């Protein structure tokens, strides 16, 4: 995760108290998103984590899924959450302690996992690859640490699937292009299956969910971030931006706003 683009708040030089607070807020919001919940439930079901297994959560964030894995493996199992952001890692450790979870957390690089070969039964890696400059290396590392028969769940967003309505199509396209500039690999979601296969893993299942925003409220922080990015790159004028803002606000008042992005998942195993 240290190879993220400098524009990302996950990137080490950009870590600050303010950025950590924003990330915690964003991750907490994602935890209660219905689409995220459904895709995670599908992935956990496909993984069939069993008591006594060893599990690894790469890019653990606030540790919500690390704690879920710890509950699944039980007292005889072991779960490690790797999180390079010290602020997020501190939050994850605190929340695990408060919940009485056995989940452990450590600093770690997705491109060089601090574990021996063939020692992990289950790997969870959610919304990490999109931030990496060399995501293929991370998947090869996952294949390395998995024991024969071990399973992995990769979940990631495909930012090119962003949909925003209403609005002039060209204006909306200019604005949503800001989402494509915010990730090292904005097309990561569609590449999961190919990356797992290239690393020698066997695909067991695939899934997807559209993450829908509230149709009665504009997600202004995200909208403004994308709009300002488009303006800086000369793709959008201020008059266009303001007109689009008015259309979106009016649509939200009438309960007719649509904003979504699709997240994909793939579950695979290392052949014996």
Protein backbone atom coordinates (compact mmCIF):
# COMPACT_ATOMS: atom_id res chain seq x y z
CA UNK A 1 0.00 0.00 0.00
CA UNK A 2 3.00 2.30 0.09
CA UNK A 3 3.03 2.43 -3.69
CA UNK A 4 -0.16 4.41 -3.92
CA UNK A 5 -0.30 7.52 -6.03
CA UNK A 6 0.82 10.71 -4.25
CA UNK A 7 -2.72 12.08 -4.70
CA UNK A 8 -4.12 9.39 -2.40
CA UNK A 9 -4.52 9.94 1.33
CA UNK A 10 -3.38 6.34 1.76
CA UNK A 11 0.03 7.46 0.48
CA UNK A 12 2.50 7.76 3.37
CA UNK A 13 3.61 11.37 2.68
CA UNK A 14 -0.03 12.49 2.83
CA UNK A 15 -0.86 10.89 6.18
CA UNK A 16 -2.00 13.44 8.77
CA UNK A 17 -4.47 13.69 11.63
CA UNK A 18 -7.00 15.35 9.33
CA UNK A 19 -6.58 12.81 6.53
CA UNK A 20 -6.86 9.91 8.97
CA UNK A 21 -10.09 11.34 10.37
CA UNK A 22 -11.50 11.66 6.85
CA UNK A 23 -10.50 8.10 6.02
CA UNK A 24 -12.07 6.73 9.20
CA UNK A 25 -15.28 8.58 8.39
CA UNK A 26 -15.28 7.27 4.81
CA UNK A 27 -14.58 3.69 5.90
CA UNK A 28 -17.28 3.83 8.57
CA UNK A 29 -19.76 5.08 5.96
CA UNK A 30 -18.80 2.22 3.65
CA UNK A 31 -19.33 -0.28 6.46
CA UNK A 32 -23.04 0.59 6.58
CA UNK A 33 -23.56 0.85 2.80
CA UNK A 34 -26.05 -1.81 1.74
CA UNK A 35 -24.14 -2.67 -1.44
CA UNK A 36 -20.85 -3.09 0.42
CA UNK A 37 -22.60 -5.22 3.04
CA UNK A 38 -24.12 -7.51 0.40
CA UNK A 39 -20.84 -7.99 -1.49
CA UNK A 40 -18.95 -8.68 1.72
CA UNK A 41 -21.58 -11.20 2.82
CA UNK A 42 -21.28 -12.99 -0.52
CA UNK A 43 -17.47 -13.06 -0.26
CA UNK A 44 -17.44 -14.37 3.32
CA UNK A 45 -19.92 -17.07 2.33
CA UNK A 46 -17.79 -18.10 -0.65
CA UNK A 47 -14.62 -18.18 1.48
CA UNK A 48 -16.16 -20.53 4.09
CA UNK A 49 -13.68 -19.52 6.80
CA UNK A 50 -13.40 -22.33 9.35
CA UNK A 51 -12.47 -22.45 13.05
CA UNK A 52 -8.76 -22.83 13.66
CA UNK A 53 -7.63 -21.35 10.34
CA UNK A 54 -5.02 -18.64 9.81
CA UNK A 55 -6.30 -15.55 8.03
CA UNK A 56 -4.75 -12.37 6.67
CA UNK A 57 -6.52 -9.06 6.00
CA UNK A 58 -4.46 -6.87 3.65
CA UNK A 59 -5.23 -3.17 3.99
CA UNK A 60 -7.24 -3.68 7.17
CA UNK A 61 -8.29 -0.04 7.58
CA UNK A 62 -10.34 0.29 10.77
CA UNK A 63 -10.34 -3.50 11.17
CA UNK A 64 -14.02 -4.28 10.63
CA UNK A 65 -13.34 -7.26 8.37
CA UNK A 66 -10.33 -8.36 10.42
CA UNK A 67 -12.65 -8.68 13.40
CA UNK A 68 -15.15 -10.64 11.31
CA UNK A 69 -12.41 -13.03 10.25
CA UNK A 70 -11.26 -13.39 13.88
CA UNK A 71 -14.79 -14.32 14.94
CA UNK A 72 -14.94 -16.94 12.15
CA UNK A 73 -11.63 -18.66 12.99
CA UNK A 74 -12.41 -18.66 16.71
CA UNK A 75 -10.00 -18.90 19.63
CA UNK A 76 -7.95 -21.63 17.97
CA UNK A 77 -7.33 -19.59 14.82
CA UNK A 78 -5.16 -16.56 14.12
CA UNK A 79 -5.91 -13.38 12.19
CA UNK A 80 -3.50 -10.62 11.23
CA UNK A 81 -4.60 -7.30 9.75
CA UNK A 82 -1.93 -5.42 7.78
CA UNK A 83 -2.39 -1.65 7.69
CA UNK A 84 0.43 0.79 6.75
CA UNK A 85 -1.44 3.90 7.87
CA UNK A 86 -0.53 4.29 11.57
CA UNK A 87 -3.63 6.35 12.32
CA UNK A 88 -5.97 3.74 10.88
CA UNK A 89 -4.00 0.96 12.54
CA UNK A 90 -4.39 2.65 15.94
CA UNK A 91 -8.15 2.90 15.39
CA UNK A 92 -8.29 -0.77 14.36
CA UNK A 93 -6.36 -1.85 17.46
CA UNK A 94 -8.57 0.21 19.75
CA UNK A 95 -11.80 -1.08 18.25
CA UNK A 96 -10.59 -4.69 18.41
CA UNK A 97 -9.70 -4.27 22.08
CA UNK A 98 -13.07 -2.70 22.85
CA UNK A 99 -14.84 -5.56 21.07
CA UNK A 100 -12.77 -8.22 22.83
CA UNK A 101 -11.54 -9.46 19.45
CA UNK A 102 -8.41 -11.57 19.05
CA UNK A 103 -7.54 -9.78 15.79
CA UNK A 104 -3.96 -8.50 15.68
CA UNK A 105 -2.64 -5.66 13.53
CA UNK A 106 0.75 -4.76 12.10
CA UNK A 107 2.43 -2.47 9.62
CA UNK A 108 2.88 -4.19 6.29
CA UNK A 109 3.42 -3.75 2.57
CA UNK A 110 1.06 -5.47 0.14
CA UNK A 111 3.97 -5.88 -2.29
CA UNK A 112 6.12 -7.68 0.28
CA UNK A 113 3.95 -9.52 2.78
CA UNK A 114 5.78 -10.21 6.08
CA UNK A 115 4.82 -13.90 6.12
CA UNK A 116 6.52 -17.13 5.04
CA UNK A 117 5.45 -19.11 1.99
CA UNK A 118 2.37 -21.35 2.20
CA UNK A 119 1.32 -20.35 5.73
CA UNK A 120 -2.11 -18.72 5.30
CA UNK A 121 -5.50 -20.39 4.86
CA UNK A 122 -7.53 -17.30 3.97
CA UNK A 123 -6.68 -13.85 2.56
CA UNK A 124 -9.07 -10.90 2.49
CA UNK A 125 -8.04 -7.91 0.35
CA UNK A 126 -10.67 -5.21 -0.13
CA UNK A 127 -10.22 -1.95 -2.09
CA UNK A 128 -6.42 -2.12 -1.94
CA UNK A 129 -5.32 -2.92 -5.49
CA UNK A 130 -6.82 0.30 -6.89
CA UNK A 131 -4.29 2.26 -4.83
CA UNK A 132 -1.21 0.30 -5.93
CA UNK A 133 1.13 1.20 -8.76
CA UNK A 134 2.02 -2.51 -9.15
CA UNK A 135 -1.10 -4.46 -8.15
CA UNK A 136 0.01 -7.60 -9.98
CA UNK A 137 2.90 -7.96 -7.54
CA UNK A 138 0.49 -7.84 -4.62
CA UNK A 139 -1.56 -10.69 -6.09
CA UNK A 140 1.61 -12.74 -6.65
CA UNK A 141 2.45 -12.15 -2.98
CA UNK A 142 -1.00 -13.37 -1.98
CA UNK A 143 -0.47 -16.55 -4.01
CA UNK A 144 2.91 -17.01 -2.33
CA UNK A 145 1.64 -16.93 1.25
CA UNK A 146 -1.45 -19.07 0.59
CA UNK A 147 -1.10 -22.72 1.46
CA UNK A 148 -2.27 -25.25 -1.16
CA UNK A 149 -6.04 -25.15 -0.99
CA UNK A 150 -5.99 -21.73 0.65
CA UNK A 151 -8.58 -19.15 -0.45
CA UNK A 152 -8.56 -15.45 -1.25
CA UNK A 153 -11.26 -12.84 -1.69
CA UNK A 154 -10.39 -9.74 -3.71
CA UNK A 155 -12.91 -6.88 -3.70
CA UNK A 156 -12.35 -3.63 -5.54
CA UNK A 157 -14.09 -0.66 -7.12
CA UNK A 158 -14.19 0.04 -10.85
CA UNK A 159 -14.37 3.83 -11.00
CA UNK A 160 -15.15 3.85 -14.72
CA UNK A 161 -18.60 2.51 -13.79
CA UNK A 162 -19.53 5.79 -12.04
CA UNK A 163 -23.03 6.93 -13.02
CA UNK A 164 -24.49 10.33 -12.23
CA UNK A 165 -27.97 11.54 -13.25
CA UNK A 166 -29.35 14.05 -14.20
CA UNK A 167 -27.10 16.38 -16.14
CA UNK A 168 -25.79 17.13 -19.61
CA UNK A 169 -23.93 13.94 -20.67
CA UNK A 170 -20.73 15.77 -21.64
CA UNK A 171 -20.70 17.77 -18.41
CA UNK A 172 -21.34 14.67 -16.33
CA UNK A 173 -18.59 12.78 -18.18
CA UNK A 174 -16.13 15.59 -17.46
CA UNK A 175 -17.05 15.61 -13.78
CA UNK A 176 -16.96 11.85 -13.25
CA UNK A 177 -13.55 11.70 -14.91
CA UNK A 178 -12.31 13.12 -11.60
CA UNK A 179 -12.98 9.73 -10.02
CA UNK A 180 -10.64 8.14 -12.56
CA UNK A 181 -7.78 10.42 -11.51
CA UNK A 182 -8.11 9.59 -7.81
CA UNK A 183 -6.81 6.02 -8.00
CA UNK A 184 -3.61 4.45 -9.28
CA UNK A 185 -5.73 1.88 -11.12
CA UNK A 186 -9.32 3.13 -11.45
CA UNK A 187 -10.24 0.04 -13.52
CA UNK A 188 -9.13 -2.42 -10.83
CA UNK A 189 -12.52 -4.05 -10.33
CA UNK A 190 -12.70 -5.48 -13.85
CA UNK A 191 -9.15 -6.86 -13.60
CA UNK A 192 -9.51 -9.02 -10.48
CA UNK A 193 -10.19 -12.32 -12.24
CA UNK A 194 -7.34 -11.85 -14.72
CA UNK A 195 -4.86 -10.97 -11.99
CA UNK A 196 -5.78 -13.97 -9.88
CA UNK A 197 -5.54 -16.31 -12.86
CA UNK A 198 -2.17 -14.85 -13.90
CA UNK A 199 -0.85 -15.58 -10.40
CA UNK A 200 -1.76 -19.26 -10.77
CA UNK A 201 -4.93 -19.20 -8.67
CA UNK A 202 -8.21 -20.89 -9.62
CA UNK A 203 -11.39 -18.81 -9.72
CA UNK A 204 -14.23 -20.18 -7.57
CA UNK A 205 -16.82 -17.40 -7.82
CA UNK A 206 -17.39 -13.82 -8.93
CA UNK A 207 -19.73 -11.13 -7.67
CA UNK A 208 -20.64 -7.46 -8.00
CA UNK A 209 -22.73 -4.77 -6.37
CA UNK A 210 -23.69 -1.27 -7.41
CA UNK A 211 -23.00 1.08 -4.51
CA UNK A 212 -25.93 3.48 -4.56
CA UNK A 213 -25.91 6.93 -3.00
CA UNK A 214 -29.05 8.30 -1.33
CA UNK A 215 -31.47 9.43 -4.06
CA UNK A 216 -32.68 12.34 -1.91
CA UNK A 217 -29.32 13.85 -1.01
CA UNK A 218 -26.31 14.96 -3.05
CA UNK A 219 -22.95 13.60 -1.86
CA UNK A 220 -21.49 17.10 -2.03
CA UNK A 221 -17.94 16.39 -0.75
CA UNK A 222 -17.41 13.76 -3.44
CA UNK A 223 -19.18 15.77 -6.16
CA UNK A 224 -17.16 18.91 -5.41
CA UNK A 225 -13.90 16.96 -5.30
CA UNK A 226 -14.56 15.52 -8.76
CA UNK A 227 -15.72 18.87 -10.15
CA UNK A 228 -12.69 20.79 -8.93
CA UNK A 229 -10.41 18.11 -10.34
CA UNK A 230 -12.14 18.44 -13.72
CA UNK A 231 -11.86 22.24 -13.62
CA UNK A 232 -8.14 22.12 -12.80
CA UNK A 233 -7.59 19.88 -15.80
CA UNK A 234 -9.57 22.18 -18.08
CA UNK A 235 -12.31 19.62 -18.70
CA UNK A 236 -15.08 21.62 -17.07
CA UNK A 237 -15.93 25.32 -16.83
CA UNK A 238 -17.27 27.01 -13.73
CA UNK A 239 -20.58 27.84 -15.42
CA UNK A 240 -21.00 24.18 -16.41
CA UNK A 241 -20.18 23.10 -12.88
CA UNK A 242 -22.69 25.49 -11.31
CA UNK A 243 -25.41 24.45 -13.74
CA UNK A 244 -24.83 20.80 -12.96
CA UNK A 245 -24.90 21.51 -9.23
CA UNK A 246 -28.34 23.13 -9.64
CA UNK A 247 -29.67 20.15 -11.60
CA UNK A 248 -28.40 17.66 -9.05
CA UNK A 249 -29.78 19.64 -6.11
CA UNK A 250 -33.18 19.91 -7.79
CA UNK A 251 -33.23 16.19 -8.59
CA UNK A 252 -32.39 15.40 -4.96
CA UNK A 253 -35.22 17.64 -3.74
CA UNK A 254 -37.61 15.65 -5.95
CA UNK A 255 -36.14 12.31 -4.89
CA UNK A 256 -34.89 11.53 -8.41
CA UNK A 257 -31.10 11.64 -8.03
CA UNK A 258 -29.00 8.68 -9.16
CA UNK A 259 -25.35 8.27 -8.25
CA UNK A 260 -23.60 4.91 -8.18
CA UNK A 261 -20.35 3.07 -8.73
CA UNK A 262 -19.88 -0.70 -9.07
CA UNK A 263 -17.65 -2.81 -6.86
CA UNK A 264 -16.58 -6.27 -8.02
CA UNK A 265 -15.37 -9.34 -6.16
CA UNK A 266 -13.57 -12.56 -6.99
CA UNK A 267 -12.91 -15.58 -4.81
CA UNK A 268 -10.17 -18.03 -5.77
CA UNK A 269 -7.98 -20.77 -4.31
CA UNK A 270 -4.42 -21.99 -4.68
CA UNK A 271 -4.44 -25.43 -6.30
CA UNK A 272 -2.98 -28.32 -4.34
